[in-house]
């Protein structure tokens, strides 16, 4: 065997094998002691991409017109690094522009407010945000199913970055493509305001939760 073609780890094992008189068991014990760790098991996490998520939770990578879609697709999933989210097939309220809440926040729970843009962009906890919006008084026109919530600003940005591929997948399964318009996020700016994002430009602004009207696209958790 040409040892110069071996990896560094393989050379180390060969060295330990020779030092132990080619006793494999002893060499293995030495390697395990020196390495002090077991090899990590292969991850079964889905890779980056756009997925069609069936009613049974099964996810199929969307690869264009030749994709074999699940029998009943309920969401379009996005995986991007450590972030993932499942997007509903249609907008809330039949696609109409709606207010986010019925009133300003009177809960006094200011820990939910994020005024700094850079911090707001990092917010990926739409599920918790939506729970707070329910306490304020979520607009009844926003009829979320069990497990659904309004995406945070960070989650909306993931959607914005992948909107072309998401829209292709939505059209493929008969869903409603995302509009070139602004969508509410569940990230609150202050008692009267929440962040929203223009999907056509990527600009984020604050609008009055109980007076401003925009679109809402529900999402659900994907790959926790």
N, C-alpha and C. Protein backbone atom coordinates (compact mmCIF):
# COMPACT_ATOMS: atom_id res chain seq x y z
N UNK A 1 0.85 -1.20 0.00
CA UNK A 1 0.00 0.00 0.00
C UNK A 1 0.88 1.24 0.00
N UNK A 2 0.55 2.24 -0.85
CA UNK A 2 1.31 3.48 -0.90
C UNK A 2 0.77 4.42 0.17
N UNK A 3 1.52 4.54 1.28
CA UNK A 3 1.02 5.34 2.41
C UNK A 3 0.91 6.82 2.07
N UNK A 4 1.64 7.28 1.02
CA UNK A 4 1.54 8.70 0.68
C UNK A 4 0.19 9.07 0.09
N UNK A 5 -0.64 8.08 -0.25
CA UNK A 5 -1.98 8.34 -0.78
C UNK A 5 -3.05 8.28 0.31
N UNK A 6 -2.62 7.96 1.53
CA UNK A 6 -3.57 7.86 2.62
C UNK A 6 -3.90 9.24 3.19
N UNK A 7 -5.06 9.34 3.78
CA UNK A 7 -5.43 10.58 4.47
C UNK A 7 -4.62 10.69 5.75
N UNK A 8 -4.61 11.88 6.36
CA UNK A 8 -3.87 12.07 7.61
C UNK A 8 -4.38 11.13 8.70
N UNK A 9 -5.71 10.96 8.77
CA UNK A 9 -6.27 10.06 9.78
C UNK A 9 -5.84 8.63 9.54
N UNK A 10 -5.82 8.22 8.26
CA UNK A 10 -5.41 6.85 7.94
C UNK A 10 -3.94 6.63 8.26
N UNK A 11 -3.10 7.63 8.01
CA UNK A 11 -1.67 7.51 8.35
C UNK A 11 -1.49 7.35 9.86
N UNK A 12 -2.29 8.11 10.63
CA UNK A 12 -2.20 8.01 12.09
C UNK A 12 -2.59 6.61 12.56
N UNK A 13 -3.60 6.03 11.93
CA UNK A 13 -4.01 4.69 12.30
C UNK A 13 -2.93 3.66 11.93
N UNK A 14 -2.33 3.85 10.75
CA UNK A 14 -1.25 2.93 10.34
C UNK A 14 -0.07 3.01 11.30
N UNK A 15 0.26 4.22 11.76
CA UNK A 15 1.37 4.41 12.70
C UNK A 15 1.07 3.67 14.01
N UNK A 16 -0.17 3.85 14.52
CA UNK A 16 -0.54 3.16 15.76
C UNK A 16 -0.56 1.64 15.57
N UNK A 17 -0.95 1.19 14.42
CA UNK A 17 -0.98 -0.25 14.13
C UNK A 17 0.43 -0.82 14.16
N UNK A 18 1.36 -0.09 13.53
CA UNK A 18 2.75 -0.57 13.52
C UNK A 18 3.35 -0.54 14.92
N UNK A 19 3.07 0.53 15.69
CA UNK A 19 3.61 0.65 17.04
C UNK A 19 3.10 -0.46 17.96
N UNK A 20 1.96 -1.02 17.64
CA UNK A 20 1.37 -2.06 18.48
C UNK A 20 1.54 -3.45 17.87
N UNK A 21 2.61 -3.58 17.05
CA UNK A 21 2.93 -4.88 16.48
C UNK A 21 1.84 -5.42 15.59
N UNK A 22 1.11 -4.51 14.95
CA UNK A 22 0.02 -4.85 14.04
C UNK A 22 -1.09 -5.64 14.74
N UNK A 23 -1.26 -5.32 16.03
CA UNK A 23 -2.38 -5.88 16.78
C UNK A 23 -3.55 -4.89 16.63
N UNK A 24 -4.54 -5.29 15.83
CA UNK A 24 -5.61 -4.38 15.46
C UNK A 24 -6.41 -3.89 16.68
N UNK A 25 -6.72 -4.82 17.59
CA UNK A 25 -7.50 -4.43 18.77
C UNK A 25 -6.79 -3.39 19.61
N UNK A 26 -5.49 -3.59 19.85
CA UNK A 26 -4.73 -2.62 20.63
C UNK A 26 -4.66 -1.28 19.90
N UNK A 27 -4.43 -1.32 18.61
CA UNK A 27 -4.33 -0.09 17.81
C UNK A 27 -5.65 0.69 17.87
N UNK A 28 -6.79 -0.04 17.79
CA UNK A 28 -8.09 0.62 17.86
C UNK A 28 -8.30 1.30 19.20
N UNK A 29 -7.88 0.56 20.29
CA UNK A 29 -8.04 1.16 21.63
C UNK A 29 -7.19 2.41 21.76
N UNK A 30 -5.98 2.39 21.21
CA UNK A 30 -5.11 3.58 21.25
C UNK A 30 -5.73 4.74 20.46
N UNK A 31 -6.26 4.41 19.29
CA UNK A 31 -6.87 5.46 18.46
C UNK A 31 -8.06 6.09 19.17
N UNK A 32 -8.92 5.26 19.76
CA UNK A 32 -10.10 5.77 20.47
C UNK A 32 -9.71 6.64 21.66
N UNK A 33 -8.61 6.25 22.34
CA UNK A 33 -8.15 7.02 23.49
C UNK A 33 -7.60 8.37 23.04
N UNK A 34 -6.80 8.38 21.99
CA UNK A 34 -6.19 9.62 21.51
C UNK A 34 -7.25 10.53 20.89
N UNK A 35 -8.12 9.93 20.09
CA UNK A 35 -9.14 10.72 19.40
C UNK A 35 -10.20 11.23 20.37
N UNK A 36 -10.49 10.44 21.39
CA UNK A 36 -11.42 10.81 22.47
C UNK A 36 -12.80 11.21 21.96
N UNK A 37 -13.22 10.62 20.85
CA UNK A 37 -14.56 10.89 20.34
C UNK A 37 -14.95 9.84 19.34
N UNK A 38 -16.24 9.69 19.17
CA UNK A 38 -16.75 8.79 18.15
C UNK A 38 -17.14 9.60 16.94
N UNK A 39 -17.06 8.97 15.79
CA UNK A 39 -17.45 9.68 14.58
C UNK A 39 -18.92 10.06 14.66
N UNK A 40 -19.22 11.29 14.24
CA UNK A 40 -20.60 11.77 14.29
C UNK A 40 -21.44 10.98 13.29
N UNK A 41 -22.64 10.58 13.68
CA UNK A 41 -23.49 9.88 12.72
C UNK A 41 -23.90 10.80 11.59
N UNK A 42 -24.11 10.24 10.43
CA UNK A 42 -24.51 11.04 9.28
C UNK A 42 -25.85 11.73 9.56
N UNK A 43 -25.95 13.00 9.20
CA UNK A 43 -27.17 13.75 9.47
C UNK A 43 -28.25 13.37 8.45
N UNK A 44 -29.48 13.24 8.93
CA UNK A 44 -30.60 12.97 8.02
C UNK A 44 -31.40 14.24 7.75
N UNK A 45 -30.84 15.38 8.13
CA UNK A 45 -31.51 16.66 7.88
C UNK A 45 -31.51 16.93 6.39
N UNK A 46 -32.62 17.45 5.90
CA UNK A 46 -32.73 17.77 4.49
C UNK A 46 -31.76 18.89 4.12
N UNK A 47 -31.22 18.82 2.91
CA UNK A 47 -30.31 19.85 2.43
C UNK A 47 -31.04 21.10 2.00
N UNK A 48 -30.29 22.16 1.71
CA UNK A 48 -30.90 23.41 1.27
C UNK A 48 -31.74 23.18 0.01
N UNK A 49 -32.87 23.84 -0.06
CA UNK A 49 -33.71 23.72 -1.25
C UNK A 49 -35.16 24.03 -0.97
N UNK A 50 -35.99 23.83 -1.98
CA UNK A 50 -37.43 24.04 -1.90
C UNK A 50 -38.09 22.67 -1.94
N UNK A 51 -39.05 22.45 -1.04
CA UNK A 51 -39.68 21.14 -0.90
C UNK A 51 -41.20 21.24 -0.98
N UNK A 52 -41.82 20.22 -1.52
CA UNK A 52 -43.26 20.07 -1.50
C UNK A 52 -43.59 19.20 -0.29
N UNK A 53 -44.41 19.72 0.62
CA UNK A 53 -44.71 19.01 1.86
C UNK A 53 -46.14 18.48 1.79
N UNK A 54 -46.28 17.16 1.87
CA UNK A 54 -47.58 16.53 1.79
C UNK A 54 -48.34 16.60 3.10
N UNK A 55 -49.61 16.20 3.05
CA UNK A 55 -50.45 16.22 4.25
C UNK A 55 -49.95 15.27 5.32
N UNK A 56 -49.14 14.27 4.91
CA UNK A 56 -48.58 13.32 5.88
C UNK A 56 -47.23 13.78 6.42
N UNK A 57 -46.80 14.99 6.01
CA UNK A 57 -45.53 15.53 6.48
C UNK A 57 -44.34 15.16 5.63
N UNK A 58 -44.53 14.26 4.66
CA UNK A 58 -43.42 13.86 3.79
C UNK A 58 -43.00 15.04 2.90
N UNK A 59 -41.69 15.20 2.73
CA UNK A 59 -41.15 16.31 1.95
C UNK A 59 -40.42 15.79 0.71
N UNK A 60 -40.75 16.36 -0.44
CA UNK A 60 -40.14 15.97 -1.71
C UNK A 60 -39.43 17.20 -2.27
N UNK A 61 -38.14 17.04 -2.61
CA UNK A 61 -37.39 18.15 -3.18
C UNK A 61 -38.01 18.58 -4.51
N UNK A 62 -38.29 19.88 -4.63
CA UNK A 62 -38.86 20.40 -5.87
C UNK A 62 -37.75 20.62 -6.88
N UNK A 63 -37.86 19.90 -8.01
CA UNK A 63 -36.84 19.98 -9.06
C UNK A 63 -37.46 20.30 -10.41
N UNK A 64 -38.52 21.10 -10.39
CA UNK A 64 -39.16 21.50 -11.64
C UNK A 64 -40.29 20.59 -12.06
N UNK A 65 -40.63 20.63 -13.32
CA UNK A 65 -41.81 19.95 -13.84
C UNK A 65 -41.77 18.43 -13.70
N UNK A 66 -40.59 17.87 -13.56
CA UNK A 66 -40.49 16.41 -13.46
C UNK A 66 -40.61 15.92 -12.02
N UNK A 67 -40.83 16.83 -11.08
CA UNK A 67 -40.96 16.45 -9.67
C UNK A 67 -42.21 15.60 -9.47
N UNK A 68 -42.07 14.53 -8.71
CA UNK A 68 -43.22 13.70 -8.37
C UNK A 68 -43.81 14.23 -7.06
N UNK A 69 -44.86 15.02 -7.18
CA UNK A 69 -45.43 15.70 -6.02
C UNK A 69 -46.14 14.73 -5.10
N UNK A 70 -46.18 15.05 -3.79
CA UNK A 70 -46.98 14.24 -2.86
C UNK A 70 -48.45 14.27 -3.30
N UNK A 71 -49.21 13.28 -2.87
CA UNK A 71 -50.61 13.18 -3.28
C UNK A 71 -51.39 14.43 -2.91
N UNK A 72 -51.11 14.99 -1.76
CA UNK A 72 -51.80 16.20 -1.31
C UNK A 72 -50.78 17.16 -0.71
N UNK A 73 -50.35 18.14 -1.50
CA UNK A 73 -49.35 19.09 -1.02
C UNK A 73 -50.03 20.18 -0.21
N UNK A 74 -49.55 20.41 1.02
CA UNK A 74 -50.16 21.41 1.89
C UNK A 74 -49.29 22.64 2.08
N UNK A 75 -47.98 22.48 1.96
CA UNK A 75 -47.06 23.61 2.15
C UNK A 75 -45.88 23.49 1.20
N UNK A 76 -45.23 24.63 1.00
CA UNK A 76 -43.95 24.67 0.29
C UNK A 76 -42.88 24.93 1.34
N UNK A 77 -41.96 24.00 1.49
CA UNK A 77 -40.92 24.13 2.50
C UNK A 77 -39.66 24.77 1.94
N UNK A 78 -39.00 25.54 2.77
CA UNK A 78 -37.71 26.16 2.42
C UNK A 78 -36.69 25.72 3.46
N UNK A 79 -35.54 25.28 3.01
CA UNK A 79 -34.42 25.02 3.90
C UNK A 79 -33.25 25.85 3.42
N UNK A 80 -32.74 26.70 4.30
CA UNK A 80 -31.59 27.54 3.96
C UNK A 80 -30.68 27.58 5.17
N UNK A 81 -29.62 26.78 5.14
CA UNK A 81 -28.73 26.68 6.28
C UNK A 81 -29.47 26.15 7.49
N UNK A 82 -29.36 26.87 8.61
CA UNK A 82 -30.03 26.45 9.84
C UNK A 82 -31.48 26.92 9.89
N UNK A 83 -31.92 27.67 8.90
CA UNK A 83 -33.28 28.21 8.91
C UNK A 83 -34.19 27.39 7.99
N UNK A 84 -35.41 27.21 8.41
CA UNK A 84 -36.39 26.51 7.58
C UNK A 84 -37.78 26.98 7.97
N UNK A 85 -38.68 26.92 6.99
CA UNK A 85 -40.06 27.33 7.23
C UNK A 85 -40.93 26.71 6.15
N UNK A 86 -42.20 26.46 6.47
CA UNK A 86 -43.15 25.91 5.51
C UNK A 86 -44.19 26.97 5.18
N UNK A 87 -44.36 27.28 3.91
CA UNK A 87 -45.22 28.38 3.46
C UNK A 87 -46.57 27.83 3.00
N UNK A 88 -47.66 28.45 3.48
CA UNK A 88 -49.00 28.06 3.06
C UNK A 88 -49.20 28.32 1.57
N UNK A 89 -50.15 27.63 0.97
CA UNK A 89 -50.35 27.71 -0.48
C UNK A 89 -51.09 28.97 -0.93
N UNK A 90 -51.78 29.65 -0.01
CA UNK A 90 -52.53 30.85 -0.37
C UNK A 90 -52.38 31.91 0.71
N UNK A 91 -52.68 33.16 0.34
CA UNK A 91 -52.71 34.25 1.31
C UNK A 91 -53.94 34.13 2.20
N UNK A 92 -53.87 34.72 3.38
CA UNK A 92 -55.01 34.82 4.27
C UNK A 92 -56.03 35.80 3.69
N UNK A 93 -57.27 35.71 4.18
CA UNK A 93 -58.35 36.66 3.84
C UNK A 93 -58.59 36.73 2.34
N UNK A 94 -58.38 35.61 1.65
CA UNK A 94 -58.63 35.58 0.21
C UNK A 94 -57.71 36.48 -0.58
N UNK A 95 -56.57 36.85 -0.01
CA UNK A 95 -55.62 37.71 -0.70
C UNK A 95 -55.86 39.19 -0.49
N UNK A 96 -56.87 39.54 0.32
CA UNK A 96 -57.16 40.96 0.58
C UNK A 96 -56.12 41.55 1.54
N UNK A 97 -55.93 42.85 1.45
CA UNK A 97 -55.10 43.56 2.42
C UNK A 97 -55.89 43.71 3.71
N UNK A 98 -55.27 43.38 4.82
CA UNK A 98 -55.96 43.43 6.11
C UNK A 98 -55.07 44.05 7.18
N UNK A 99 -55.69 44.54 8.24
CA UNK A 99 -54.93 44.98 9.40
C UNK A 99 -54.39 43.74 10.13
N UNK A 100 -53.35 43.92 10.90
CA UNK A 100 -52.77 42.79 11.62
C UNK A 100 -53.52 42.50 12.90
N UNK A 101 -53.91 43.55 13.62
CA UNK A 101 -54.63 43.39 14.89
C UNK A 101 -55.86 44.29 14.90
N UNK A 102 -56.69 44.10 15.92
CA UNK A 102 -57.88 44.94 16.08
C UNK A 102 -57.59 46.20 16.88
N UNK A 103 -56.45 46.21 17.58
CA UNK A 103 -56.12 47.37 18.42
C UNK A 103 -54.63 47.41 18.64
N UNK A 104 -54.16 48.53 19.20
CA UNK A 104 -52.76 48.63 19.59
C UNK A 104 -52.49 47.71 20.78
N UNK A 105 -51.25 47.44 21.02
CA UNK A 105 -50.88 46.56 22.13
C UNK A 105 -51.06 47.29 23.46
N UNK A 106 -51.93 46.75 24.29
CA UNK A 106 -52.13 47.30 25.63
C UNK A 106 -51.71 46.30 26.70
N UNK A 107 -50.97 45.28 26.29
CA UNK A 107 -50.55 44.25 27.25
C UNK A 107 -49.42 44.74 28.15
N UNK A 108 -48.69 45.76 27.70
CA UNK A 108 -47.54 46.25 28.47
C UNK A 108 -46.32 45.36 28.37
N UNK A 109 -46.35 44.37 27.46
CA UNK A 109 -45.23 43.43 27.32
C UNK A 109 -44.27 43.92 26.25
N UNK A 110 -43.52 44.95 26.60
CA UNK A 110 -42.64 45.60 25.64
C UNK A 110 -41.43 44.76 25.23
N UNK A 111 -41.23 43.61 25.88
CA UNK A 111 -40.10 42.75 25.51
C UNK A 111 -40.28 42.18 24.10
N UNK A 112 -41.49 42.31 23.56
CA UNK A 112 -41.74 41.81 22.21
C UNK A 112 -41.39 42.84 21.14
N UNK A 113 -41.07 44.06 21.53
CA UNK A 113 -40.79 45.11 20.55
C UNK A 113 -39.32 45.07 20.11
N UNK A 114 -39.10 45.20 18.81
CA UNK A 114 -37.74 45.27 18.26
C UNK A 114 -37.68 46.48 17.33
N UNK A 115 -37.09 47.56 17.78
CA UNK A 115 -37.01 48.78 16.98
C UNK A 115 -35.81 48.79 16.04
N UNK A 116 -34.74 48.12 16.43
CA UNK A 116 -33.52 48.12 15.62
C UNK A 116 -33.68 47.19 14.42
N UNK A 117 -33.44 47.71 13.22
CA UNK A 117 -33.63 46.94 12.00
C UNK A 117 -32.76 45.69 11.96
N UNK A 118 -31.47 45.86 12.27
CA UNK A 118 -30.56 44.72 12.20
C UNK A 118 -30.97 43.61 13.17
N UNK A 119 -31.50 43.99 14.31
CA UNK A 119 -31.97 42.99 15.27
C UNK A 119 -33.26 42.35 14.79
N UNK A 120 -34.14 43.17 14.21
CA UNK A 120 -35.43 42.65 13.72
C UNK A 120 -35.23 41.62 12.61
N UNK A 121 -34.24 41.84 11.76
CA UNK A 121 -33.96 40.91 10.66
C UNK A 121 -33.52 39.55 11.19
N UNK A 122 -32.95 39.52 12.39
CA UNK A 122 -32.49 38.28 12.98
C UNK A 122 -33.61 37.51 13.69
N UNK A 123 -34.78 38.13 13.79
CA UNK A 123 -35.89 37.50 14.51
C UNK A 123 -36.49 36.39 13.66
N UNK A 124 -36.40 35.15 14.14
CA UNK A 124 -36.96 34.00 13.42
C UNK A 124 -37.94 33.23 14.29
N UNK A 125 -38.60 33.93 15.20
CA UNK A 125 -39.53 33.26 16.11
C UNK A 125 -40.95 33.76 15.90
N UNK A 126 -41.44 33.55 14.68
CA UNK A 126 -42.79 34.00 14.37
C UNK A 126 -43.85 33.31 15.19
N UNK A 127 -43.57 32.09 15.62
CA UNK A 127 -44.55 31.34 16.40
C UNK A 127 -44.84 32.04 17.73
N UNK A 128 -43.77 32.44 18.44
CA UNK A 128 -43.95 33.16 19.71
C UNK A 128 -44.57 34.53 19.47
N UNK A 129 -44.11 35.20 18.42
CA UNK A 129 -44.66 36.53 18.11
C UNK A 129 -46.17 36.46 17.88
N UNK A 130 -46.61 35.44 17.16
CA UNK A 130 -48.02 35.30 16.83
C UNK A 130 -48.85 35.03 18.08
N UNK A 131 -48.29 34.31 19.03
CA UNK A 131 -48.98 34.09 20.29
C UNK A 131 -49.24 35.42 20.99
N UNK A 132 -48.27 36.33 20.91
CA UNK A 132 -48.46 37.65 21.51
C UNK A 132 -49.49 38.46 20.75
N UNK A 133 -49.48 38.38 19.43
CA UNK A 133 -50.48 39.09 18.63
C UNK A 133 -51.89 38.61 18.96
N UNK A 134 -52.03 37.33 19.27
CA UNK A 134 -53.34 36.80 19.68
C UNK A 134 -53.80 37.45 20.99
N UNK A 135 -52.84 37.69 21.89
CA UNK A 135 -53.18 38.33 23.17
C UNK A 135 -53.63 39.77 22.93
N UNK A 136 -53.03 40.44 21.96
CA UNK A 136 -53.43 41.81 21.64
C UNK A 136 -54.82 41.82 21.02
N UNK A 137 -55.05 40.85 20.12
CA UNK A 137 -56.31 40.78 19.38
C UNK A 137 -56.04 40.66 17.90
N UNK A 138 -55.69 39.46 17.45
CA UNK A 138 -55.39 39.23 16.04
C UNK A 138 -56.64 39.47 15.20
N UNK A 139 -56.46 40.10 14.05
CA UNK A 139 -57.57 40.35 13.14
C UNK A 139 -58.28 39.02 12.84
N UNK A 140 -59.60 38.93 13.09
CA UNK A 140 -60.31 37.66 12.88
C UNK A 140 -60.32 37.20 11.42
N UNK A 141 -59.99 38.09 10.50
CA UNK A 141 -59.89 37.69 9.09
C UNK A 141 -58.66 36.81 8.84
N UNK A 142 -57.73 36.83 9.79
CA UNK A 142 -56.52 36.01 9.66
C UNK A 142 -56.81 34.68 10.35
N UNK A 143 -57.34 33.73 9.58
CA UNK A 143 -57.78 32.44 10.14
C UNK A 143 -56.66 31.41 10.01
N UNK A 144 -55.84 31.33 11.03
CA UNK A 144 -54.71 30.41 11.02
C UNK A 144 -55.16 29.00 11.42
N UNK A 145 -54.65 28.00 10.72
CA UNK A 145 -54.91 26.61 11.08
C UNK A 145 -54.02 26.24 12.27
N UNK A 146 -54.32 25.12 12.89
CA UNK A 146 -53.49 24.62 13.97
C UNK A 146 -52.05 24.46 13.48
N UNK A 147 -51.11 25.00 14.25
CA UNK A 147 -49.70 24.89 13.88
C UNK A 147 -49.20 26.00 12.98
N UNK A 148 -50.11 26.83 12.46
CA UNK A 148 -49.69 27.93 11.59
C UNK A 148 -49.46 29.20 12.41
N UNK A 149 -48.64 30.09 11.85
CA UNK A 149 -48.38 31.38 12.49
C UNK A 149 -47.97 32.38 11.42
N UNK A 150 -47.88 33.63 11.81
CA UNK A 150 -47.45 34.69 10.90
C UNK A 150 -45.93 34.78 10.95
N UNK A 151 -45.27 34.74 9.81
CA UNK A 151 -43.80 34.70 9.83
C UNK A 151 -43.19 35.96 10.46
N UNK A 152 -42.09 35.77 11.15
CA UNK A 152 -41.32 36.90 11.68
C UNK A 152 -40.64 37.62 10.52
N UNK A 153 -40.02 38.75 10.80
CA UNK A 153 -39.33 39.48 9.74
C UNK A 153 -38.18 38.64 9.17
N UNK A 154 -37.45 37.95 10.03
CA UNK A 154 -36.36 37.10 9.54
C UNK A 154 -36.86 35.99 8.64
N UNK A 155 -37.98 35.38 9.01
CA UNK A 155 -38.56 34.31 8.20
C UNK A 155 -39.09 34.86 6.88
N UNK A 156 -39.64 36.08 6.91
CA UNK A 156 -40.10 36.71 5.67
C UNK A 156 -38.94 36.97 4.72
N UNK A 157 -37.78 37.33 5.27
CA UNK A 157 -36.62 37.56 4.41
C UNK A 157 -36.17 36.27 3.73
N UNK A 158 -36.26 35.15 4.44
CA UNK A 158 -35.93 33.86 3.82
C UNK A 158 -36.89 33.59 2.66
N UNK A 159 -38.16 33.90 2.88
CA UNK A 159 -39.15 33.74 1.81
C UNK A 159 -38.84 34.67 0.65
N UNK A 160 -38.51 35.92 0.97
CA UNK A 160 -38.19 36.91 -0.06
C UNK A 160 -37.00 36.47 -0.92
N UNK A 161 -35.96 35.96 -0.28
CA UNK A 161 -34.76 35.53 -1.00
C UNK A 161 -35.03 34.34 -1.92
N UNK A 162 -36.04 33.55 -1.58
CA UNK A 162 -36.34 32.34 -2.35
C UNK A 162 -37.67 32.42 -3.10
N UNK A 163 -38.20 33.64 -3.27
CA UNK A 163 -39.56 33.75 -3.77
C UNK A 163 -39.73 33.24 -5.20
N UNK A 164 -38.72 33.37 -6.05
CA UNK A 164 -38.89 32.86 -7.43
C UNK A 164 -39.11 31.35 -7.41
N UNK A 165 -38.26 30.63 -6.69
CA UNK A 165 -38.39 29.17 -6.63
C UNK A 165 -39.67 28.76 -5.89
N UNK A 166 -40.03 29.52 -4.84
CA UNK A 166 -41.26 29.24 -4.11
C UNK A 166 -42.46 29.40 -5.03
N UNK A 167 -42.47 30.47 -5.82
CA UNK A 167 -43.60 30.72 -6.72
C UNK A 167 -43.69 29.64 -7.80
N UNK A 168 -42.55 29.16 -8.29
CA UNK A 168 -42.57 28.08 -9.26
C UNK A 168 -43.19 26.83 -8.65
N UNK A 169 -42.83 26.55 -7.40
CA UNK A 169 -43.39 25.39 -6.71
C UNK A 169 -44.88 25.59 -6.44
N UNK A 170 -45.27 26.80 -6.05
CA UNK A 170 -46.68 27.09 -5.80
C UNK A 170 -47.52 26.90 -7.07
N UNK A 171 -47.02 27.39 -8.20
CA UNK A 171 -47.73 27.21 -9.46
C UNK A 171 -47.82 25.73 -9.83
N UNK A 172 -46.77 24.99 -9.54
CA UNK A 172 -46.71 23.57 -9.86
C UNK A 172 -47.80 22.78 -9.15
N UNK A 173 -48.11 23.18 -7.90
CA UNK A 173 -49.12 22.44 -7.12
C UNK A 173 -50.48 23.14 -7.10
N UNK A 174 -50.63 24.20 -7.89
CA UNK A 174 -51.91 24.89 -7.96
C UNK A 174 -52.14 25.89 -6.85
N UNK A 175 -51.07 26.35 -6.20
CA UNK A 175 -51.19 27.34 -5.14
C UNK A 175 -51.21 28.76 -5.69
N UNK A 176 -51.25 29.72 -4.81
CA UNK A 176 -51.30 31.14 -5.17
C UNK A 176 -49.89 31.73 -5.01
N UNK A 177 -49.26 32.14 -6.13
CA UNK A 177 -47.92 32.72 -6.02
C UNK A 177 -47.90 33.93 -5.10
N UNK A 178 -46.77 34.16 -4.46
CA UNK A 178 -46.58 35.34 -3.62
C UNK A 178 -46.68 36.60 -4.48
N UNK A 179 -47.34 37.61 -3.95
CA UNK A 179 -47.54 38.85 -4.71
C UNK A 179 -46.32 39.76 -4.61
N UNK A 180 -46.13 40.57 -5.62
CA UNK A 180 -45.10 41.61 -5.60
C UNK A 180 -45.65 42.79 -4.80
N UNK A 181 -45.77 42.57 -3.51
CA UNK A 181 -46.46 43.51 -2.64
C UNK A 181 -45.83 43.39 -1.26
N UNK A 182 -46.38 44.11 -0.27
CA UNK A 182 -45.81 43.96 1.07
C UNK A 182 -46.66 43.04 1.93
N UNK A 183 -45.97 42.32 2.79
CA UNK A 183 -46.59 41.34 3.68
C UNK A 183 -46.28 41.69 5.13
N UNK A 184 -47.29 41.48 5.97
CA UNK A 184 -47.08 41.65 7.41
C UNK A 184 -46.10 40.60 7.94
N UNK A 185 -45.26 41.04 8.87
CA UNK A 185 -44.50 40.09 9.70
C UNK A 185 -45.12 40.12 11.09
N UNK A 186 -44.76 39.15 11.90
CA UNK A 186 -45.25 39.14 13.29
C UNK A 186 -44.28 39.82 14.24
N UNK A 187 -43.20 40.38 13.69
CA UNK A 187 -42.22 41.09 14.51
C UNK A 187 -42.74 42.50 14.80
N UNK A 188 -42.95 42.79 16.06
CA UNK A 188 -43.52 44.08 16.45
C UNK A 188 -42.42 45.13 16.64
N UNK A 189 -42.71 46.31 16.15
CA UNK A 189 -41.78 47.44 16.30
C UNK A 189 -42.04 48.17 17.62
N UNK A 190 -43.32 48.34 17.95
CA UNK A 190 -43.73 49.08 19.15
C UNK A 190 -45.19 48.73 19.45
N UNK A 191 -45.78 49.39 20.42
CA UNK A 191 -47.18 49.11 20.75
C UNK A 191 -48.10 49.30 19.55
N UNK A 192 -47.96 50.38 18.80
CA UNK A 192 -48.87 50.55 17.66
C UNK A 192 -48.34 49.97 16.33
N UNK A 193 -47.04 49.67 16.24
CA UNK A 193 -46.45 49.31 14.94
C UNK A 193 -45.88 47.90 14.90
N UNK A 194 -45.88 47.33 13.68
CA UNK A 194 -45.21 46.05 13.42
C UNK A 194 -44.44 46.18 12.10
N UNK A 195 -43.42 45.34 11.93
CA UNK A 195 -42.61 45.36 10.71
C UNK A 195 -43.36 44.68 9.57
N UNK A 196 -43.18 45.21 8.36
CA UNK A 196 -43.65 44.51 7.17
C UNK A 196 -42.53 44.54 6.12
N UNK A 197 -42.65 43.69 5.12
CA UNK A 197 -41.58 43.55 4.12
C UNK A 197 -42.17 43.57 2.71
N UNK A 198 -41.57 44.40 1.86
CA UNK A 198 -41.93 44.42 0.44
C UNK A 198 -41.17 43.29 -0.27
N UNK A 199 -41.90 42.33 -0.82
CA UNK A 199 -41.23 41.22 -1.48
C UNK A 199 -40.64 41.60 -2.83
N UNK A 200 -41.12 42.72 -3.42
CA UNK A 200 -40.57 43.12 -4.71
C UNK A 200 -39.26 43.89 -4.59
N UNK A 201 -38.99 44.44 -3.41
CA UNK A 201 -37.77 45.25 -3.25
C UNK A 201 -36.91 44.81 -2.07
N UNK A 202 -37.49 44.08 -1.13
CA UNK A 202 -36.75 43.67 0.06
C UNK A 202 -36.70 44.74 1.14
N UNK A 203 -37.44 45.84 0.96
CA UNK A 203 -37.44 46.91 1.97
C UNK A 203 -38.40 46.57 3.11
N UNK A 204 -37.97 46.84 4.33
CA UNK A 204 -38.80 46.60 5.52
C UNK A 204 -39.13 47.94 6.18
N UNK A 205 -40.36 48.07 6.59
CA UNK A 205 -40.83 49.29 7.27
C UNK A 205 -41.77 48.89 8.41
N UNK A 206 -42.13 49.89 9.22
CA UNK A 206 -43.13 49.68 10.25
C UNK A 206 -44.46 50.28 9.83
N UNK A 207 -45.55 49.56 10.13
CA UNK A 207 -46.89 50.07 9.84
C UNK A 207 -47.77 49.91 11.08
N UNK A 208 -48.80 50.75 11.23
CA UNK A 208 -49.71 50.61 12.36
C UNK A 208 -50.45 49.26 12.29
N UNK A 209 -50.33 48.47 13.33
CA UNK A 209 -50.92 47.13 13.34
C UNK A 209 -52.43 47.15 13.18
N UNK A 210 -53.09 48.14 13.77
CA UNK A 210 -54.55 48.17 13.77
C UNK A 210 -55.13 49.09 12.68
N UNK A 211 -54.25 49.72 11.88
CA UNK A 211 -54.74 50.63 10.85
C UNK A 211 -54.14 50.33 9.47
N UNK A 212 -52.86 49.97 9.42
CA UNK A 212 -52.23 49.64 8.14
C UNK A 212 -52.79 48.35 7.58
N UNK A 213 -52.86 48.26 6.26
CA UNK A 213 -53.42 47.06 5.63
C UNK A 213 -52.41 46.46 4.64
N UNK A 214 -52.14 45.17 4.84
CA UNK A 214 -51.22 44.46 3.96
C UNK A 214 -51.62 43.01 3.86
N UNK A 215 -50.87 42.26 3.07
CA UNK A 215 -51.14 40.84 2.89
C UNK A 215 -50.56 40.03 4.05
N UNK A 216 -51.12 38.83 4.23
CA UNK A 216 -50.60 37.89 5.22
C UNK A 216 -50.49 36.52 4.57
N UNK A 217 -49.32 35.92 4.66
CA UNK A 217 -49.13 34.54 4.21
C UNK A 217 -48.69 33.72 5.41
N UNK A 218 -49.51 32.78 5.81
CA UNK A 218 -49.20 31.96 6.98
C UNK A 218 -48.05 31.00 6.68
N UNK A 219 -47.36 30.62 7.73
CA UNK A 219 -46.30 29.61 7.62
C UNK A 219 -46.47 28.62 8.76
N UNK A 220 -45.70 27.55 8.67
CA UNK A 220 -45.70 26.54 9.72
C UNK A 220 -44.26 26.11 9.94
N UNK A 221 -44.01 25.47 11.07
CA UNK A 221 -42.65 25.02 11.36
C UNK A 221 -42.25 23.90 10.41
N UNK A 222 -40.97 23.87 10.03
CA UNK A 222 -40.43 22.84 9.14
C UNK A 222 -39.02 22.52 9.59
N UNK A 223 -38.72 21.26 9.81
CA UNK A 223 -37.38 20.81 10.25
C UNK A 223 -36.95 21.47 11.54
N UNK A 224 -37.64 21.21 12.61
CA UNK A 224 -37.25 21.76 13.90
C UNK A 224 -35.92 21.19 14.32
